[in-house]
N, C-alpha and C. Protein backbone atom coordinates (compact mmCIF):
# COMPACT_ATOMS: atom_id res chain seq x y z
N UNK A 1 0.82 -1.18 0.00
CA UNK A 1 0.00 0.00 0.00
C UNK A 1 0.87 1.26 0.00
N UNK A 2 1.91 1.20 0.83
CA UNK A 2 2.82 2.34 0.88
C UNK A 2 3.52 2.52 -0.46
N UNK A 3 3.85 1.39 -1.07
CA UNK A 3 4.53 1.47 -2.36
C UNK A 3 3.63 2.10 -3.41
N UNK A 4 2.39 1.75 -3.42
CA UNK A 4 1.45 2.31 -4.40
C UNK A 4 1.30 3.81 -4.17
N UNK A 5 1.18 4.20 -2.92
CA UNK A 5 1.07 5.62 -2.58
C UNK A 5 2.34 6.36 -2.98
N UNK A 6 3.47 5.75 -2.70
CA UNK A 6 4.76 6.37 -3.05
C UNK A 6 4.92 6.49 -4.56
N UNK A 7 4.55 5.44 -5.27
CA UNK A 7 4.64 5.48 -6.75
C UNK A 7 3.69 6.51 -7.33
N UNK A 8 2.48 6.56 -6.80
CA UNK A 8 1.52 7.55 -7.32
C UNK A 8 1.98 8.97 -7.01
N UNK A 9 2.57 9.17 -5.84
CA UNK A 9 3.10 10.48 -5.48
C UNK A 9 4.25 10.87 -6.41
N UNK A 10 5.14 9.92 -6.67
CA UNK A 10 6.26 10.18 -7.59
C UNK A 10 5.75 10.48 -9.00
N UNK A 11 4.74 9.75 -9.42
CA UNK A 11 4.16 9.96 -10.74
C UNK A 11 3.52 11.35 -10.84
N UNK A 12 2.86 11.76 -9.79
CA UNK A 12 2.23 13.09 -9.77
C UNK A 12 3.30 14.19 -9.80
N UNK A 13 4.36 14.01 -9.05
CA UNK A 13 5.45 14.98 -9.06
C UNK A 13 6.12 15.06 -10.43
N UNK A 14 6.29 13.91 -11.04
CA UNK A 14 6.89 13.87 -12.37
C UNK A 14 6.00 14.59 -13.38
N UNK A 15 4.71 14.34 -13.32
CA UNK A 15 3.77 15.02 -14.24
C UNK A 15 3.75 16.52 -13.99
N UNK A 16 3.77 16.91 -12.73
CA UNK A 16 3.74 18.34 -12.39
C UNK A 16 5.01 19.03 -12.89
N UNK A 17 6.16 18.37 -12.72
CA UNK A 17 7.40 18.98 -13.19
C UNK A 17 7.42 19.06 -14.72
N UNK A 18 6.87 18.04 -15.37
CA UNK A 18 6.80 18.04 -16.83
C UNK A 18 5.91 19.18 -17.32
N UNK A 19 4.77 19.38 -16.65
CA UNK A 19 3.87 20.46 -17.02
C UNK A 19 4.52 21.82 -16.80
N UNK A 20 5.30 21.93 -15.72
CA UNK A 20 5.98 23.19 -15.43
C UNK A 20 7.00 23.51 -16.52
N UNK A 21 7.78 22.50 -16.92
CA UNK A 21 8.77 22.75 -17.97
C UNK A 21 8.09 22.96 -19.31
N UNK A 22 6.98 22.25 -19.56
CA UNK A 22 6.25 22.45 -20.81
C UNK A 22 5.67 23.86 -20.84
N UNK A 23 5.18 24.32 -19.68
CA UNK A 23 4.66 25.68 -19.60
C UNK A 23 5.75 26.70 -19.87
N UNK A 24 6.94 26.43 -19.40
CA UNK A 24 8.06 27.34 -19.63
C UNK A 24 8.41 27.38 -21.11
N UNK A 25 8.36 26.21 -21.77
CA UNK A 25 8.64 26.19 -23.21
C UNK A 25 7.59 26.98 -23.98
N UNK A 26 6.36 26.89 -23.50
CA UNK A 26 5.27 27.62 -24.14
C UNK A 26 5.50 29.13 -24.02
N UNK A 27 6.11 29.56 -22.93
CA UNK A 27 6.33 30.99 -22.68
C UNK A 27 7.62 31.50 -23.31
N UNK A 28 8.39 30.63 -23.94
CA UNK A 28 9.66 31.05 -24.53
C UNK A 28 9.46 32.10 -25.63
N UNK A 29 8.36 31.98 -26.40
CA UNK A 29 8.10 32.98 -27.45
C UNK A 29 7.94 34.37 -26.84
N UNK A 30 7.21 34.43 -25.73
CA UNK A 30 7.01 35.72 -25.06
C UNK A 30 8.33 36.25 -24.52
N UNK A 31 9.16 35.35 -24.00
CA UNK A 31 10.46 35.76 -23.47
C UNK A 31 11.37 36.28 -24.59
N UNK A 32 11.32 35.61 -25.75
CA UNK A 32 12.14 36.05 -26.88
C UNK A 32 11.71 37.43 -27.37
N UNK A 33 10.39 37.66 -27.39
CA UNK A 33 9.90 38.98 -27.79
C UNK A 33 10.39 40.05 -26.82
N UNK A 34 10.33 39.73 -25.53
CA UNK A 34 10.80 40.66 -24.51
C UNK A 34 12.29 40.94 -24.68
N UNK A 35 13.08 39.89 -24.89
CA UNK A 35 14.53 40.06 -25.10
C UNK A 35 14.81 40.90 -26.34
N UNK A 36 14.05 40.69 -27.40
CA UNK A 36 14.23 41.44 -28.64
C UNK A 36 13.96 42.93 -28.41
N UNK A 37 12.89 43.23 -27.69
CA UNK A 37 12.57 44.64 -27.41
C UNK A 37 13.66 45.27 -26.54
N UNK A 38 14.15 44.53 -25.56
CA UNK A 38 15.21 45.06 -24.70
C UNK A 38 16.49 45.30 -25.49
N UNK A 39 16.77 44.43 -26.47
CA UNK A 39 17.96 44.64 -27.31
C UNK A 39 17.79 45.90 -28.16
N UNK A 40 16.59 46.15 -28.64
CA UNK A 40 16.33 47.37 -29.41
C UNK A 40 16.49 48.60 -28.54
N UNK A 41 16.11 48.48 -27.26
CA UNK A 41 16.25 49.62 -26.36
C UNK A 41 17.70 49.97 -26.10
N UNK A 42 18.58 48.99 -26.13
CA UNK A 42 20.00 49.26 -25.87
C UNK A 42 20.66 50.03 -27.01
N UNK A 43 20.05 50.01 -28.18
CA UNK A 43 20.59 50.77 -29.31
C UNK A 43 20.18 52.23 -29.17
N UNK A 44 20.88 53.10 -29.88
CA UNK A 44 20.57 54.53 -29.83
C UNK A 44 19.25 54.78 -30.54
N UNK A 45 18.33 55.46 -29.87
CA UNK A 45 17.02 55.75 -30.43
C UNK A 45 16.64 57.20 -30.15
N UNK A 46 15.66 57.69 -30.89
CA UNK A 46 15.13 59.01 -30.61
C UNK A 46 14.28 58.93 -29.35
N UNK A 47 13.92 60.09 -28.83
CA UNK A 47 13.12 60.13 -27.61
C UNK A 47 11.77 59.45 -27.83
N UNK A 48 11.15 59.74 -28.96
CA UNK A 48 9.84 59.17 -29.27
C UNK A 48 9.93 57.65 -29.40
N UNK A 49 10.95 57.18 -30.09
CA UNK A 49 11.13 55.73 -30.30
C UNK A 49 11.42 55.03 -28.97
N UNK A 50 12.27 55.63 -28.13
CA UNK A 50 12.59 54.99 -26.85
C UNK A 50 11.36 54.94 -25.95
N UNK A 51 10.52 55.96 -26.04
CA UNK A 51 9.28 55.96 -25.25
C UNK A 51 8.35 54.84 -25.70
N UNK A 52 8.20 54.67 -27.02
CA UNK A 52 7.33 53.59 -27.52
C UNK A 52 7.92 52.22 -27.19
N UNK A 53 9.25 52.10 -27.25
CA UNK A 53 9.88 50.82 -26.90
C UNK A 53 9.69 50.48 -25.43
N UNK A 54 9.74 51.50 -24.57
CA UNK A 54 9.56 51.21 -23.14
C UNK A 54 8.13 50.75 -22.86
N UNK A 55 7.15 51.34 -23.56
CA UNK A 55 5.77 50.88 -23.36
C UNK A 55 5.60 49.46 -23.92
N UNK A 56 6.24 49.17 -25.07
CA UNK A 56 6.19 47.81 -25.62
C UNK A 56 6.84 46.81 -24.67
N UNK A 57 7.96 47.23 -24.06
CA UNK A 57 8.65 46.34 -23.14
C UNK A 57 7.78 46.03 -21.92
N UNK A 58 7.10 47.05 -21.41
CA UNK A 58 6.23 46.84 -20.24
C UNK A 58 5.12 45.85 -20.58
N UNK A 59 4.52 46.00 -21.76
CA UNK A 59 3.46 45.07 -22.17
C UNK A 59 4.00 43.66 -22.37
N UNK A 60 5.17 43.56 -23.01
CA UNK A 60 5.76 42.23 -23.27
C UNK A 60 6.16 41.56 -21.96
N UNK A 61 6.72 42.34 -21.03
CA UNK A 61 7.12 41.77 -19.74
C UNK A 61 5.88 41.29 -18.98
N UNK A 62 4.81 42.07 -19.01
CA UNK A 62 3.57 41.68 -18.34
C UNK A 62 3.00 40.40 -18.95
N UNK A 63 2.99 40.31 -20.27
CA UNK A 63 2.47 39.13 -20.95
C UNK A 63 3.32 37.89 -20.62
N UNK A 64 4.65 38.08 -20.64
CA UNK A 64 5.55 36.96 -20.32
C UNK A 64 5.33 36.49 -18.88
N UNK A 65 5.20 37.44 -17.94
CA UNK A 65 5.04 37.07 -16.54
C UNK A 65 3.70 36.39 -16.30
N UNK A 66 2.64 36.86 -16.97
CA UNK A 66 1.35 36.19 -16.85
C UNK A 66 1.42 34.77 -17.40
N UNK A 67 2.20 34.58 -18.47
CA UNK A 67 2.39 33.23 -19.02
C UNK A 67 3.15 32.36 -18.03
N UNK A 68 4.20 32.90 -17.42
CA UNK A 68 5.01 32.15 -16.46
C UNK A 68 4.19 31.73 -15.24
N UNK A 69 3.34 32.64 -14.77
CA UNK A 69 2.55 32.33 -13.57
C UNK A 69 1.27 31.59 -13.89
N UNK A 70 0.99 31.38 -15.17
CA UNK A 70 -0.19 30.61 -15.56
C UNK A 70 -1.46 31.43 -15.60
N UNK A 71 -1.36 32.74 -15.59
CA UNK A 71 -2.54 33.59 -15.62
C UNK A 71 -2.91 34.05 -17.02
N UNK A 72 -2.08 33.71 -17.99
CA UNK A 72 -2.35 34.10 -19.37
C UNK A 72 -3.33 33.11 -19.98
N UNK A 73 -4.37 33.63 -20.62
CA UNK A 73 -5.35 32.76 -21.25
C UNK A 73 -4.73 32.12 -22.48
N UNK A 74 -4.96 30.82 -22.63
CA UNK A 74 -4.42 30.11 -23.79
C UNK A 74 -5.22 30.51 -25.03
N UNK A 75 -4.53 30.60 -26.15
CA UNK A 75 -5.19 30.95 -27.40
C UNK A 75 -6.03 29.77 -27.86
N UNK A 76 -7.22 30.09 -28.34
CA UNK A 76 -8.08 29.02 -28.85
C UNK A 76 -7.57 28.59 -30.22
N UNK A 77 -7.98 27.40 -30.65
CA UNK A 77 -7.54 26.88 -31.94
C UNK A 77 -8.06 27.73 -33.08
N UNK A 78 -9.27 28.27 -32.93
CA UNK A 78 -9.85 29.10 -33.98
C UNK A 78 -9.01 30.36 -34.18
N UNK A 79 -8.57 30.96 -33.06
CA UNK A 79 -7.74 32.16 -33.17
C UNK A 79 -6.39 31.84 -33.79
N UNK A 80 -5.83 30.69 -33.44
CA UNK A 80 -4.54 30.29 -34.01
C UNK A 80 -4.65 30.09 -35.51
N UNK A 81 -5.77 29.45 -35.95
CA UNK A 81 -5.98 29.25 -37.39
C UNK A 81 -6.17 30.59 -38.09
N UNK A 82 -6.93 31.48 -37.47
CA UNK A 82 -7.16 32.79 -38.07
C UNK A 82 -5.85 33.56 -38.19
N UNK A 83 -4.99 33.43 -37.18
CA UNK A 83 -3.70 34.11 -37.23
C UNK A 83 -2.83 33.53 -38.34
N UNK A 84 -2.86 32.20 -38.51
CA UNK A 84 -2.09 31.57 -39.58
C UNK A 84 -2.60 32.02 -40.94
N UNK A 85 -3.92 32.12 -41.08
CA UNK A 85 -4.49 32.62 -42.34
C UNK A 85 -4.11 34.07 -42.55
N UNK A 86 -4.09 34.83 -41.45
CA UNK A 86 -3.73 36.25 -41.53
C UNK A 86 -2.32 36.43 -42.04
N UNK A 87 -1.41 35.53 -41.63
CA UNK A 87 -0.03 35.63 -42.10
C UNK A 87 0.04 35.41 -43.60
N UNK A 88 -0.68 34.39 -44.09
CA UNK A 88 -0.64 34.14 -45.53
C UNK A 88 -1.36 35.26 -46.27
N UNK A 89 -2.40 35.81 -45.65
CA UNK A 89 -3.11 36.91 -46.27
C UNK A 89 -2.21 38.15 -46.32
N UNK A 90 -1.42 38.36 -45.27
CA UNK A 90 -0.54 39.52 -45.26
C UNK A 90 0.53 39.40 -46.34
N UNK A 91 0.99 38.17 -46.61
CA UNK A 91 1.96 37.99 -47.70
C UNK A 91 1.33 38.36 -49.03
N UNK A 92 0.06 37.94 -49.22
CA UNK A 92 -0.63 38.30 -50.45
C UNK A 92 -0.82 39.81 -50.54
N UNK A 93 -1.15 40.42 -49.41
CA UNK A 93 -1.33 41.87 -49.40
C UNK A 93 -0.02 42.58 -49.73
N UNK A 94 1.09 42.07 -49.21
CA UNK A 94 2.39 42.68 -49.51
C UNK A 94 2.69 42.60 -51.00
N UNK A 95 2.43 41.43 -51.59
CA UNK A 95 2.68 41.27 -53.03
C UNK A 95 1.80 42.20 -53.83
N UNK A 96 0.52 42.32 -53.45
CA UNK A 96 -0.38 43.20 -54.20
C UNK A 96 0.03 44.66 -54.03
N UNK A 97 0.52 45.02 -52.84
CA UNK A 97 0.99 46.39 -52.62
C UNK A 97 2.23 46.67 -53.47
N UNK A 98 3.12 45.67 -53.58
CA UNK A 98 4.31 45.85 -54.40
C UNK A 98 3.93 46.03 -55.86
N UNK A 99 2.98 45.21 -56.34
CA UNK A 99 2.53 45.34 -57.73
C UNK A 99 1.90 46.71 -57.95
N UNK A 100 1.10 47.16 -57.00
CA UNK A 100 0.45 48.46 -57.12
C UNK A 100 1.49 49.58 -57.15
N UNK A 101 2.52 49.47 -56.31
CA UNK A 101 3.57 50.49 -56.27
C UNK A 101 4.33 50.52 -57.60
N UNK A 102 4.61 49.35 -58.17
CA UNK A 102 5.33 49.33 -59.45
C UNK A 102 4.46 49.90 -60.56
N UNK A 103 3.15 49.62 -60.53
CA UNK A 103 2.25 50.20 -61.54
C UNK A 103 2.19 51.71 -61.40
N UNK A 104 2.15 52.20 -60.15
CA UNK A 104 2.12 53.64 -59.93
C UNK A 104 3.39 54.29 -60.47
N UNK A 105 4.53 53.65 -60.25
CA UNK A 105 5.80 54.20 -60.74
C UNK A 105 5.80 54.24 -62.27
N UNK A 106 5.29 53.17 -62.90
CA UNK A 106 5.22 53.15 -64.37
C UNK A 106 4.29 54.24 -64.88
N UNK A 107 3.13 54.40 -64.24
CA UNK A 107 2.19 55.43 -64.66
C UNK A 107 2.78 56.82 -64.47
N UNK A 108 3.52 57.01 -63.39
CA UNK A 108 4.15 58.31 -63.14
C UNK A 108 5.16 58.62 -64.23
N UNK A 109 5.97 57.63 -64.60
CA UNK A 109 6.95 57.83 -65.66
C UNK A 109 6.26 58.15 -66.98
N UNK A 110 5.17 57.44 -67.27
CA UNK A 110 4.42 57.69 -68.50
C UNK A 110 3.84 59.10 -68.50
N UNK A 111 3.25 59.51 -67.38
CA UNK A 111 2.64 60.83 -67.33
C UNK A 111 3.69 61.92 -67.43
N UNK A 112 4.87 61.70 -66.84
CA UNK A 112 5.94 62.69 -66.96
C UNK A 112 6.42 62.80 -68.39
N UNK A 113 6.58 61.67 -69.07
CA UNK A 113 7.02 61.72 -70.47
C UNK A 113 5.95 62.34 -71.34
N UNK A 114 4.68 62.07 -71.07
CA UNK A 114 3.59 62.68 -71.84
C UNK A 114 3.56 64.18 -71.62
N UNK A 115 3.76 64.62 -70.38
CA UNK A 115 3.78 66.05 -70.09
C UNK A 115 4.96 66.72 -70.78
N UNK A 116 6.09 66.04 -70.83
CA UNK A 116 7.26 66.59 -71.50
C UNK A 116 7.00 66.75 -72.99
N UNK A 117 6.35 65.75 -73.61
CA UNK A 117 6.01 65.84 -75.03
C UNK A 117 5.05 66.99 -75.29
N UNK A 118 4.04 67.13 -74.44
CA UNK A 118 3.09 68.23 -74.60
C UNK A 118 3.79 69.57 -74.46
N UNK A 119 4.72 69.66 -73.52
CA UNK A 119 5.44 70.91 -73.31
C UNK A 119 6.28 71.26 -74.53
N UNK A 120 6.93 70.27 -75.12
CA UNK A 120 7.76 70.52 -76.29
C UNK A 120 6.92 70.90 -77.50
N UNK A 121 5.75 70.27 -77.65
CA UNK A 121 4.90 70.51 -78.81
C UNK A 121 4.03 71.75 -78.67
N UNK A 122 3.80 72.23 -77.47
CA UNK A 122 2.89 73.36 -77.28
C UNK A 122 3.58 74.67 -77.63
N UNK A 123 2.74 75.66 -77.95
CA UNK A 123 3.25 77.00 -78.24
C UNK A 123 3.58 77.68 -76.92
N UNK A 124 4.32 78.78 -77.01
CA UNK A 124 4.65 79.53 -75.82
C UNK A 124 3.36 80.10 -75.22
N UNK A 125 3.26 80.04 -73.92
CA UNK A 125 2.05 80.53 -73.26
C UNK A 125 2.01 82.05 -73.29
N UNK A 126 0.84 82.59 -73.57
CA UNK A 126 0.64 84.03 -73.59
C UNK A 126 0.07 84.43 -72.24
N UNK A 127 0.72 85.36 -71.52
CA UNK A 127 0.25 85.68 -70.18
C UNK A 127 -1.10 86.40 -70.16
N UNK A 128 -1.47 87.08 -71.24
CA UNK A 128 -2.74 87.79 -71.28
C UNK A 128 -3.60 87.20 -72.38
N UNK A 129 -4.88 87.52 -72.35
CA UNK A 129 -5.82 86.93 -73.30
C UNK A 129 -5.59 87.45 -74.72
N UNK A 130 -5.10 88.66 -74.85
CA UNK A 130 -4.92 89.21 -76.20
C UNK A 130 -3.47 89.14 -76.62
N UNK A 131 -3.27 89.20 -77.93
CA UNK A 131 -1.91 89.19 -78.47
C UNK A 131 -1.40 90.60 -78.74
N UNK A 132 -2.20 91.61 -78.41
CA UNK A 132 -1.80 93.00 -78.63
C UNK A 132 -0.65 93.37 -77.70
N UNK A 133 0.20 94.27 -78.12
CA UNK A 133 1.32 94.67 -77.26
C UNK A 133 0.81 95.38 -76.00
N UNK A 134 1.54 95.19 -74.94
CA UNK A 134 1.18 95.78 -73.66
C UNK A 134 1.83 97.16 -73.57
N UNK A 135 1.01 98.19 -73.37
CA UNK A 135 1.52 99.56 -73.32
C UNK A 135 1.27 100.10 -71.91
N UNK A 136 2.34 100.56 -71.28
CA UNK A 136 2.22 101.16 -69.95
C UNK A 136 2.51 102.64 -70.10
N UNK A 137 1.55 103.43 -69.69
CA UNK A 137 1.72 104.88 -69.81
C UNK A 137 1.92 105.46 -68.42
N UNK A 138 2.91 106.31 -68.31
CA UNK A 138 3.15 106.97 -67.03
C UNK A 138 2.38 108.28 -66.99
N UNK A 139 2.30 108.85 -65.81
CA UNK A 139 1.56 110.10 -65.64
C UNK A 139 2.25 111.24 -66.37
N UNK A 140 3.56 111.20 -66.40
CA UNK A 140 4.34 112.26 -67.06
C UNK A 140 5.08 111.68 -68.24
N UNK A 141 5.21 112.49 -69.30
CA UNK A 141 5.94 112.04 -70.48
C UNK A 141 6.84 113.16 -71.00
N UNK A 142 7.90 112.74 -71.67
CA UNK A 142 8.81 113.71 -72.29
C UNK A 142 9.63 114.47 -71.28
N UNK A 143 9.66 115.82 -71.49
CA UNK A 143 10.46 116.68 -70.60
C UNK A 143 9.90 116.71 -69.19
N UNK A 144 8.57 116.60 -69.10
CA UNK A 144 7.94 116.60 -67.78
C UNK A 144 8.36 115.36 -66.98
N UNK A 145 8.50 114.23 -67.67
CA UNK A 145 8.96 113.00 -67.02
C UNK A 145 10.39 113.17 -66.51
N UNK A 146 11.24 113.79 -67.33
CA UNK A 146 12.63 114.02 -66.90
C UNK A 146 12.67 114.93 -65.68
N UNK A 147 11.83 115.96 -65.69
CA UNK A 147 11.79 116.88 -64.55
C UNK A 147 11.30 116.16 -63.30
N UNK A 148 10.29 115.29 -63.47
CA UNK A 148 9.77 114.53 -62.32
C UNK A 148 10.84 113.62 -61.75
N UNK A 149 11.60 112.95 -62.60
CA UNK A 149 12.65 112.04 -62.13
C UNK A 149 13.74 112.80 -61.37
N UNK A 150 14.01 114.03 -61.78
CA UNK A 150 14.99 114.84 -61.06
C UNK A 150 14.41 115.31 -59.73
N UNK A 151 13.12 115.69 -59.75
CA UNK A 151 12.47 116.23 -58.55
C UNK A 151 12.23 115.16 -57.48
N UNK A 152 11.77 113.99 -57.88
CA UNK A 152 11.36 112.95 -56.93
C UNK A 152 12.58 112.31 -56.27
N UNK A 153 12.63 112.37 -54.94
CA UNK A 153 13.71 111.77 -54.16
C UNK A 153 13.11 110.78 -53.14
N UNK A 154 13.05 109.50 -53.49
CA UNK A 154 12.48 108.53 -52.53
C UNK A 154 13.47 108.25 -51.39
N UNK A 155 12.93 107.88 -50.24
CA UNK A 155 13.76 107.52 -49.09
C UNK A 155 14.45 106.18 -49.38
N UNK A 156 15.56 105.93 -48.68
CA UNK A 156 16.31 104.68 -48.91
C UNK A 156 15.47 103.45 -48.57
N UNK A 157 14.69 103.54 -47.49
CA UNK A 157 13.90 102.37 -47.11
C UNK A 157 12.72 102.14 -48.05
N UNK A 158 12.44 103.09 -48.95
CA UNK A 158 11.37 102.89 -49.92
C UNK A 158 11.81 102.00 -51.09
N UNK A 159 13.12 101.77 -51.23
CA UNK A 159 13.59 100.89 -52.29
C UNK A 159 13.13 99.46 -52.03
N UNK A 160 13.19 99.04 -50.78
CA UNK A 160 12.70 97.72 -50.38
C UNK A 160 12.02 97.83 -49.01
N UNK A 161 10.75 98.21 -48.99
CA UNK A 161 10.07 98.34 -47.70
C UNK A 161 9.89 96.97 -47.05
N UNK A 162 10.15 96.94 -45.73
CA UNK A 162 10.10 95.66 -45.01
C UNK A 162 8.73 95.38 -44.40
N UNK A 163 7.90 96.39 -44.30
CA UNK A 163 6.57 96.18 -43.73
C UNK A 163 5.54 96.98 -44.52
N UNK A 164 4.29 96.69 -44.26
CA UNK A 164 3.21 97.39 -44.96
C UNK A 164 3.17 98.85 -44.53
N UNK A 165 3.50 99.12 -43.28
CA UNK A 165 3.52 100.50 -42.80
C UNK A 165 4.56 101.32 -43.56
N UNK A 166 5.75 100.73 -43.78
CA UNK A 166 6.79 101.42 -44.54
C UNK A 166 6.32 101.67 -45.97
N UNK A 167 5.68 100.68 -46.57
CA UNK A 167 5.18 100.82 -47.94
C UNK A 167 4.13 101.93 -48.01
N UNK A 168 3.22 101.99 -47.03
CA UNK A 168 2.19 103.02 -47.01
C UNK A 168 2.81 104.40 -46.87
N UNK A 169 3.83 104.53 -46.02
CA UNK A 169 4.52 105.83 -45.86
C UNK A 169 5.18 106.25 -47.17
N UNK A 170 5.77 105.29 -47.88
CA UNK A 170 6.43 105.59 -49.15
C UNK A 170 5.41 106.07 -50.19
N UNK A 171 4.25 105.42 -50.24
CA UNK A 171 3.22 105.82 -51.19
C UNK A 171 2.71 107.22 -50.86
N UNK A 172 2.46 107.50 -49.57
CA UNK A 172 2.01 108.83 -49.16
C UNK A 172 3.06 109.88 -49.49
N UNK A 173 4.33 109.56 -49.26
CA UNK A 173 5.41 110.49 -49.57
C UNK A 173 5.48 110.78 -51.06
N UNK A 174 5.30 109.75 -51.88
CA UNK A 174 5.34 109.93 -53.34
C UNK A 174 4.18 110.82 -53.78
N UNK A 175 3.00 110.62 -53.22
CA UNK A 175 1.83 111.44 -53.59
C UNK A 175 2.02 112.89 -53.17
N UNK A 176 2.57 113.07 -51.98
CA UNK A 176 2.80 114.46 -51.53
C UNK A 176 3.85 115.14 -52.42
N UNK A 177 4.88 114.41 -52.83
CA UNK A 177 5.89 114.99 -53.73
C UNK A 177 5.28 115.28 -55.11
N UNK A 178 4.32 114.44 -55.55
CA UNK A 178 3.66 114.68 -56.84
C UNK A 178 2.85 115.97 -56.79
N UNK A 179 2.12 116.16 -55.67
CA UNK A 179 1.33 117.40 -55.57
C UNK A 179 2.24 118.62 -55.54
N UNK A 180 3.37 118.54 -54.85
CA UNK A 180 4.34 119.64 -54.83
C UNK A 180 4.90 119.89 -56.23
N UNK A 181 5.19 118.80 -56.94
CA UNK A 181 5.76 118.91 -58.29
C UNK A 181 4.76 119.57 -59.23
N UNK A 182 3.47 119.18 -59.12
CA UNK A 182 2.45 119.76 -59.99
C UNK A 182 2.21 121.22 -59.66
N UNK A 183 2.33 121.60 -58.38
CA UNK A 183 2.17 123.01 -57.99
C UNK A 183 3.31 123.85 -58.54
N UNK A 184 4.51 123.28 -58.56
CA UNK A 184 5.68 124.04 -59.02
C UNK A 184 5.67 124.21 -60.54
N UNK A 185 5.05 123.27 -61.27
CA UNK A 185 5.01 123.37 -62.74
C UNK A 185 3.81 124.08 -63.19
C-alpha cells in the first residue's frame, strides 16, 4: 500500500514537473519577444522611439510574466488558425501592394514623359488673353517726365520696404511729392 502511494506520489510529481517545464517552453516565445525589445532599447534611439519601446517592453514583460505564472489565457484553436491565415493573407497583401507600387511608378513615368512631349509641342504661353502689345503709360511724359525724375527723391527704405507700414509711408510720400511737383510746374 505504501509502495502504491509512493509510486503515485512520484508519478504526480513527475507530471507536475513536466507540465511546469512544458509551460516554460510555451512561454519562450514571449520571453524572446521581450529580449528582442530590450535589445532594441539598448541601441541609440530618438526620444519618441525609446518611449514607444519602453511601453512595448512593459506590455511584453507583463504578458511573459502572466504566461510564467499561468494567468495568461491560452489561445483558442480558432484564433490560431485565423492568425495563420492572416499571415498568408498579409503575404498576399504585400505582393499586391508591391505590384500596385510598381504600376504607380510606371504610370508616373508615363505621365511625366507625356507632359514633356506636350510641353515641347505646345506653343509659348501668352500671359494675357490678347496678343496686342502691352503699353504702360506713365503720368508724365517727355520733358515733364525728366523733370519729375529729377524732382522725386524717394527715401532709402522705400527701395525695399520691409513692412506694410513702410510701404504706405512711401506711397504717401510719393503722392505728396507729386502734388508739390504739380504746384511748381
